[in-house]
Protein backbone atom coordinates (compact mmCIF):
# COMPACT_ATOMS: atom_id res chain seq x y z
CA MET A 1 -20.50 85.08 26.45
CA GLY A 2 -21.55 84.16 22.93
CA SER A 3 -20.95 80.76 21.48
CA ASN A 4 -17.72 80.17 19.73
CA PRO A 5 -18.13 80.55 16.00
CA PRO A 6 -16.93 77.71 13.84
CA PRO A 7 -13.46 78.18 12.45
CA PRO A 8 -13.09 79.34 8.92
CA SER A 9 -13.90 76.53 6.60
CA HIS A 10 -11.19 77.07 3.99
CA GLY A 11 -13.19 74.83 1.73
CA ARG A 12 -13.92 72.21 4.43
CA ASP A 13 -17.43 71.22 5.57
CA TYR A 14 -18.08 72.15 9.21
CA SER A 15 -21.79 71.56 9.15
CA GLY A 16 -21.41 69.17 12.06
CA TRP A 17 -19.80 71.77 14.37
CA THR A 18 -21.61 72.11 17.69
CA PRO A 19 -22.49 75.35 19.44
CA GLN A 20 -20.00 74.44 22.16
CA GLY A 21 -17.19 74.74 19.67
CA GLY A 22 -16.41 71.06 19.23
CA PRO A 23 -17.18 68.53 16.54
CA ALA A 24 -20.46 66.71 16.54
CA PRO A 25 -20.44 63.00 17.40
CA GLU A 26 -19.85 60.75 14.46
CA ILE A 27 -22.97 58.67 15.24
CA LEU A 28 -26.09 60.69 16.02
CA PRO A 29 -29.32 59.47 17.59
CA PRO A 30 -32.37 59.27 15.36
CA ASP A 31 -33.36 62.93 15.87
CA GLY A 32 -29.93 64.11 14.80
CA HIS A 33 -29.35 66.41 17.85
CA GLY A 34 -27.19 66.06 20.89
CA PRO A 35 -25.09 63.11 22.06
CA PRO A 36 -26.57 59.63 21.84
CA PRO A 37 -28.36 58.38 24.97
CA GLN A 38 -26.50 55.97 27.22
CA HIS A 39 -28.87 53.12 26.45
CA ALA A 40 -28.53 53.44 22.67
CA ARG A 41 -26.77 50.54 20.90
CA TYR A 42 -25.22 50.69 17.49
CA ASP A 43 -24.28 47.35 16.03
CA MET A 44 -20.97 47.24 14.22
CA PRO A 45 -20.81 45.28 10.98
CA PRO A 46 -19.46 41.73 11.55
CA MET A 47 -15.73 41.35 11.13
CA PRO A 48 -14.73 39.04 8.31
CA PRO A 49 -13.17 35.75 9.50
CA PRO A 50 -9.37 35.75 9.48
CA GLN A 51 -7.97 34.35 6.31
CA ARG A 52 -5.73 31.33 6.86
CA ARG A 53 -2.61 31.37 4.75
CA PRO A 54 -2.50 28.38 2.44
CA ARG A 55 0.00 25.77 3.58
CA SER A 56 2.71 24.73 1.18
CA ARG A 57 3.14 21.09 0.17
CA TRP A 58 6.39 21.09 2.12
CA THR A 59 4.72 21.99 5.41
CA MET A 60 1.93 19.47 4.78
CA ALA A 61 4.34 16.53 4.29
CA PRO A 62 7.79 17.47 5.61
CA ALA A 63 8.84 13.91 6.45
CA THR A 64 8.03 12.60 2.97
CA HIS A 65 10.00 15.40 1.32
CA ALA A 66 12.92 14.94 3.70
CA LEU A 67 13.10 11.16 3.21
CA VAL A 68 13.02 11.49 -0.58
CA ALA A 69 15.69 14.21 -0.41
CA ILE A 70 17.98 12.11 1.80
CA ASN A 71 17.75 9.10 -0.50
CA CYS A 72 18.46 11.23 -3.57
CA ALA A 73 21.35 13.00 -1.83
CA VAL A 74 23.00 9.68 -0.91
CA TYR A 75 22.69 8.51 -4.51
CA LEU A 76 24.23 11.74 -5.85
CA LEU A 77 27.11 11.48 -3.40
CA MET A 78 27.73 7.90 -4.50
CA VAL A 79 27.84 8.92 -8.17
CA LEU A 80 30.09 11.89 -7.44
CA GLN A 81 32.47 9.53 -5.66
CA GLY A 82 32.76 7.33 -8.76
CA VAL A 83 30.04 4.73 -8.17
CA SER A 84 28.29 3.61 -11.36
CA PRO A 85 24.97 5.47 -11.73
CA PHE A 86 23.30 2.49 -13.41
CA ALA A 87 24.83 -0.75 -12.11
CA PRO A 88 26.95 -0.28 -8.97
CA SER A 89 29.09 -3.21 -7.90
CA SER A 90 28.43 -5.08 -4.65
CA ASP A 91 31.70 -3.81 -3.21
CA SER A 92 30.78 -0.18 -3.86
CA LEU A 93 27.33 -0.70 -2.35
CA MET A 94 28.86 -2.26 0.75
CA ARG A 95 31.19 0.71 1.15
CA TRP A 96 28.14 2.99 1.26
CA GLY A 97 26.23 0.97 3.85
CA ALA A 98 24.47 -1.90 2.12
CA ASP A 99 23.08 -4.75 4.21
CA ASN A 100 24.84 -8.08 4.21
CA ALA A 101 24.09 -11.10 6.42
CA GLY A 102 27.76 -11.87 6.99
CA SER A 103 28.67 -8.27 7.83
CA VAL A 104 25.78 -7.97 10.28
CA LEU A 105 25.83 -11.36 11.99
CA VAL A 106 29.55 -12.18 11.82
CA ASN A 107 31.17 -8.74 11.95
CA GLY A 108 28.50 -7.13 14.13
CA GLU A 109 27.84 -4.22 11.75
CA TRP A 110 24.24 -3.74 12.84
CA TRP A 111 24.13 -0.16 11.62
CA ARG A 112 23.77 -1.55 8.10
CA ILE A 113 20.21 -2.60 8.97
CA VAL A 114 19.31 1.12 8.87
CA THR A 115 21.77 2.57 6.36
CA ALA A 116 20.86 0.03 3.67
CA MET A 117 17.43 1.58 3.20
CA PHE A 118 19.05 4.83 2.00
CA VAL A 119 21.35 3.17 -0.58
CA HIS A 120 20.14 2.20 -4.06
CA GLY A 121 21.50 0.07 -6.86
CA GLY A 122 21.23 2.56 -9.71
CA ILE A 123 19.05 5.36 -11.01
CA LEU A 124 16.16 3.07 -12.01
CA HIS A 125 16.07 1.43 -8.58
CA LEU A 126 16.10 4.86 -6.92
CA GLY A 127 13.45 6.31 -9.23
CA LEU A 128 10.95 3.51 -8.69
CA ASN A 129 11.36 3.53 -4.92
CA MET A 130 11.14 7.31 -4.64
CA TRP A 131 8.05 7.46 -6.85
CA CYS A 132 6.32 4.94 -4.55
CA LEU A 133 7.57 6.67 -1.41
CA TRP A 134 6.37 10.05 -2.66
CA ASN A 135 2.83 8.88 -3.45
CA LEU A 136 2.35 6.75 -0.35
CA GLY A 137 4.01 9.31 1.92
CA LEU A 138 1.76 12.15 0.77
CA LEU A 139 -1.23 9.93 1.51
CA ALA A 140 0.09 8.73 4.88
CA GLU A 141 1.41 11.93 6.41
CA PRO A 142 -1.97 13.63 6.99
CA LEU A 143 -3.02 10.46 8.84
CA MET A 144 0.18 9.81 10.77
CA GLY A 145 1.96 13.15 11.06
CA TRP A 146 5.62 13.73 10.21
CA LEU A 147 6.82 11.81 13.26
CA GLY A 148 4.63 8.81 12.44
CA VAL A 149 5.85 8.63 8.83
CA THR A 150 9.48 8.92 9.92
CA ALA A 151 9.01 6.22 12.56
CA VAL A 152 7.19 3.81 10.27
CA PHE A 153 9.79 4.30 7.51
CA VAL A 154 12.77 3.58 9.75
CA LEU A 155 11.22 0.81 11.84
CA THR A 156 9.56 -1.13 9.03
CA GLY A 157 12.58 -0.67 6.77
CA ALA A 158 14.75 -2.12 9.54
CA ALA A 159 12.28 -4.98 10.04
CA GLY A 160 12.44 -5.83 6.35
CA ASN A 161 16.24 -5.79 6.32
CA MET A 162 16.39 -7.97 9.43
CA LEU A 163 14.03 -10.55 7.95
CA SER A 164 16.07 -10.54 4.74
CA THR A 165 19.27 -11.02 6.75
CA PHE A 166 17.76 -13.97 8.55
CA PHE A 167 16.62 -15.81 5.40
CA ASN A 168 19.83 -15.10 3.48
CA TRP A 169 21.78 -16.58 6.38
CA LYS A 170 19.52 -19.62 6.66
CA HIS A 171 19.59 -20.22 2.90
CA LEU A 172 23.36 -20.41 2.65
CA ALA A 173 23.69 -22.29 5.94
CA HIS A 174 21.33 -24.96 4.59
CA ASN A 175 22.98 -25.26 1.16
CA LEU A 176 26.57 -25.08 2.40
CA PRO A 177 26.51 -26.68 5.84
CA PHE A 178 30.23 -27.47 6.01
CA VAL A 179 31.56 -24.11 4.83
CA PRO A 180 32.49 -21.54 7.51
CA MET A 181 29.87 -18.79 7.39
CA ALA A 182 32.47 -16.06 7.71
CA SER A 183 33.97 -17.07 4.37
CA LEU A 184 30.72 -17.02 2.40
CA ALA A 185 29.84 -14.21 -0.02
CA PHE A 186 26.40 -13.01 1.02
CA PRO A 187 24.41 -10.80 -1.39
CA ALA A 188 24.29 -7.08 -0.70
CA GLY A 189 20.83 -5.76 0.08
CA VAL A 190 19.91 -2.13 -0.61
CA GLY A 191 16.89 0.07 -1.12
CA ALA A 192 13.94 1.72 0.58
CA SER A 193 11.38 -0.74 -0.77
CA GLY A 194 10.97 -2.53 2.57
CA ALA A 195 10.12 0.80 4.21
CA VAL A 196 7.77 1.67 1.34
CA PHE A 197 5.92 -1.61 1.87
CA GLY A 198 5.81 -0.72 5.57
CA ILE A 199 4.01 2.56 4.83
CA ALA A 200 1.60 0.65 2.59
CA GLY A 201 0.90 -1.84 5.39
CA ALA A 202 0.18 0.96 7.85
CA LEU A 203 -2.17 2.65 5.38
CA ILE A 204 -4.14 -0.56 4.86
CA VAL A 205 -5.05 -0.46 8.55
CA LEU A 206 -5.50 3.29 9.04
CA LEU A 207 -7.72 3.75 5.99
CA LYS A 208 -10.38 1.59 7.65
CA SER A 209 -11.09 4.28 10.25
CA PRO A 210 -14.78 5.32 10.16
CA ARG A 211 -13.94 8.82 11.39
CA LEU A 212 -12.00 9.94 8.34
CA PRO A 213 -13.80 12.83 6.58
CA VAL A 214 -13.92 11.01 3.26
CA PRO A 215 -16.97 9.41 1.64
CA PRO A 216 -16.94 5.69 2.45
CA LEU A 217 -16.94 4.65 -1.19
CA GLU A 218 -13.93 6.84 -2.00
CA LEU A 219 -12.12 5.65 1.11
CA LYS A 220 -12.72 2.05 0.11
CA LYS A 221 -11.28 2.73 -3.36
CA ILE A 222 -8.15 4.34 -1.90
CA ARG A 223 -7.59 1.47 0.49
CA ARG A 224 -8.13 -1.09 -2.26
CA SER A 225 -5.54 0.64 -4.44
CA VAL A 226 -2.96 0.42 -1.63
CA ILE A 227 -3.69 -3.29 -1.20
CA TYR A 228 -3.31 -3.81 -4.95
CA PHE A 229 -0.01 -1.92 -4.89
CA ALA A 230 1.43 -4.22 -2.23
CA ALA A 231 0.11 -7.44 -3.81
CA ILE A 232 1.09 -6.62 -7.40
CA ASN A 233 4.60 -5.50 -6.49
CA LEU A 234 5.13 -8.62 -4.40
CA PHE A 235 4.10 -10.85 -7.32
CA ILE A 236 6.30 -8.85 -9.70
CA GLY A 237 9.24 -9.44 -7.36
CA LEU A 238 8.54 -13.16 -7.27
CA GLY A 239 8.37 -13.27 -11.07
CA ILE A 240 11.63 -11.38 -11.49
CA ASN A 241 13.40 -13.76 -9.12
CA VAL A 242 12.21 -16.74 -11.17
CA GLY A 243 14.14 -15.37 -14.14
CA ALA A 244 17.10 -14.12 -12.10
CA SER A 245 19.42 -16.71 -13.63
CA ARG A 246 18.97 -15.01 -17.02
CA THR A 247 18.74 -11.37 -16.00
CA GLY A 248 21.06 -11.31 -12.99
CA VAL A 249 18.52 -9.12 -11.16
CA MET A 250 17.22 -10.18 -7.73
CA ILE A 251 14.35 -8.65 -5.77
CA ASP A 252 14.53 -8.87 -1.99
CA ASN A 253 11.00 -10.13 -1.38
CA TRP A 254 11.75 -10.99 2.25
CA ALA A 255 12.45 -7.31 2.88
CA HIS A 256 9.11 -6.45 1.26
CA ILE A 257 7.22 -9.03 3.31
CA GLY A 258 8.93 -7.96 6.53
CA GLY A 259 8.25 -4.30 5.83
CA CYS A 260 4.56 -4.81 5.05
CA ALA A 261 3.97 -7.12 8.02
CA SER A 262 5.63 -4.72 10.45
CA GLY A 263 3.63 -1.85 8.93
CA LEU A 264 0.42 -3.71 9.71
CA LEU A 265 1.69 -4.30 13.24
CA PHE A 266 2.70 -0.65 13.60
CA ALA A 267 -0.76 0.62 12.67
CA ALA A 268 -2.71 -1.95 14.70
CA PRO A 269 -2.77 0.13 17.93
CA MET A 270 -2.94 3.46 16.10
CA VAL A 271 -5.74 5.77 15.02
CA PRO A 272 -5.51 8.37 12.24
CA ARG A 273 -4.60 11.88 13.31
CA ILE A 274 -7.64 13.16 11.41
CA GLY A 275 -10.90 12.68 13.32
CA TRP A 276 -9.43 11.77 16.71
CA PRO A 277 -8.37 13.90 19.71
CA ARG A 278 -4.71 14.88 19.63
CA LYS A 279 -3.98 13.22 22.99
CA THR A 280 -5.45 9.92 21.82
CA PHE A 281 -3.42 10.01 18.61
CA ASP A 282 -0.15 10.89 20.40
CA PHE A 283 -0.61 8.14 22.98
CA ARG A 284 -1.38 5.47 20.40
CA LEU A 285 1.54 6.57 18.23
CA ARG A 286 3.86 6.09 21.19
CA VAL A 287 2.36 2.64 21.79
CA ALA A 288 2.94 1.74 18.12
CA VAL A 289 6.56 2.88 18.18
CA GLY A 290 7.21 1.04 21.43
CA LEU A 291 5.53 -2.14 20.19
CA VAL A 292 7.47 -2.42 16.93
CA THR A 293 10.74 -1.35 18.58
CA GLY A 294 10.31 -4.08 21.19
CA VAL A 295 9.65 -6.71 18.52
CA LEU A 296 12.75 -5.60 16.59
CA VAL A 297 14.93 -5.75 19.69
CA LEU A 298 13.79 -9.28 20.44
CA PHE A 299 14.25 -10.39 16.83
CA GLY A 300 17.65 -8.73 16.73
CA PHE A 301 18.70 -10.64 19.84
CA PHE A 302 17.59 -13.86 18.14
CA LEU A 303 19.59 -12.99 15.02
CA SER A 304 22.68 -12.19 17.04
CA GLN A 305 22.76 -15.79 18.28
CA LEU A 306 22.96 -17.13 14.71
CA GLY A 307 26.37 -15.62 14.06
CA ARG A 308 28.00 -17.24 17.07
């Protein structure tokens, strides 16, 4: 039998058609005839590395975005319900969850220790706190993760409010020793500044890590700027309180001090998420949360004895 002729080309190139009637192999050996030997190797061009999709700012710092959004949402709800957007009254702030030593220690409304950090006394108060929270949160979240930022915000904010409650109670008890505490008008405390100082305190510790992939000089500058932020704002608060009799504005410095101190305590057993094994970071984060929670529980028990 003769070999099968190639099919009609109809304009197509069949120069690679074999005498057996089938197509020639796509890769020929060096002589160009017959199938390639079994031992022949033909290296494929290297595959390009998979392209990682760029992460959005939201996915890089979800806790920071969520905390800012919650604070802004509470403020908008307050305004929509008739609260003054610039100078809310103490009564309106208390209705929305402000902290108050008498309400906490006499009436047992301990939930105010947490809710007060999401309530603000006007648009300026909100704007300043959210600007600080935004900048510090975007710096802290790559080091602490979303869970760490959420935990440090809530725990240090609560610590600041508890310390403020204690000193407000002691101040009035010392100045008015014969007046029943339940009848006294304690100031309403609001704002996220204690929690913001807590994030700053945690950053002061975490930014000392030698494993962070940042040039030491740049890292030192960043850490110094956080320290300056905490110190300058504390001194500004002290100065404002000196002139409070003329302006009527009071800064809760005890909340700031309590927040920053508890932030330092929170970060003491921690390591940054960047540069350390995930298991080590997760374990130390749990230790930090447990440590600060335990301290708050003990301090809360001490406070509860004052109102009796």
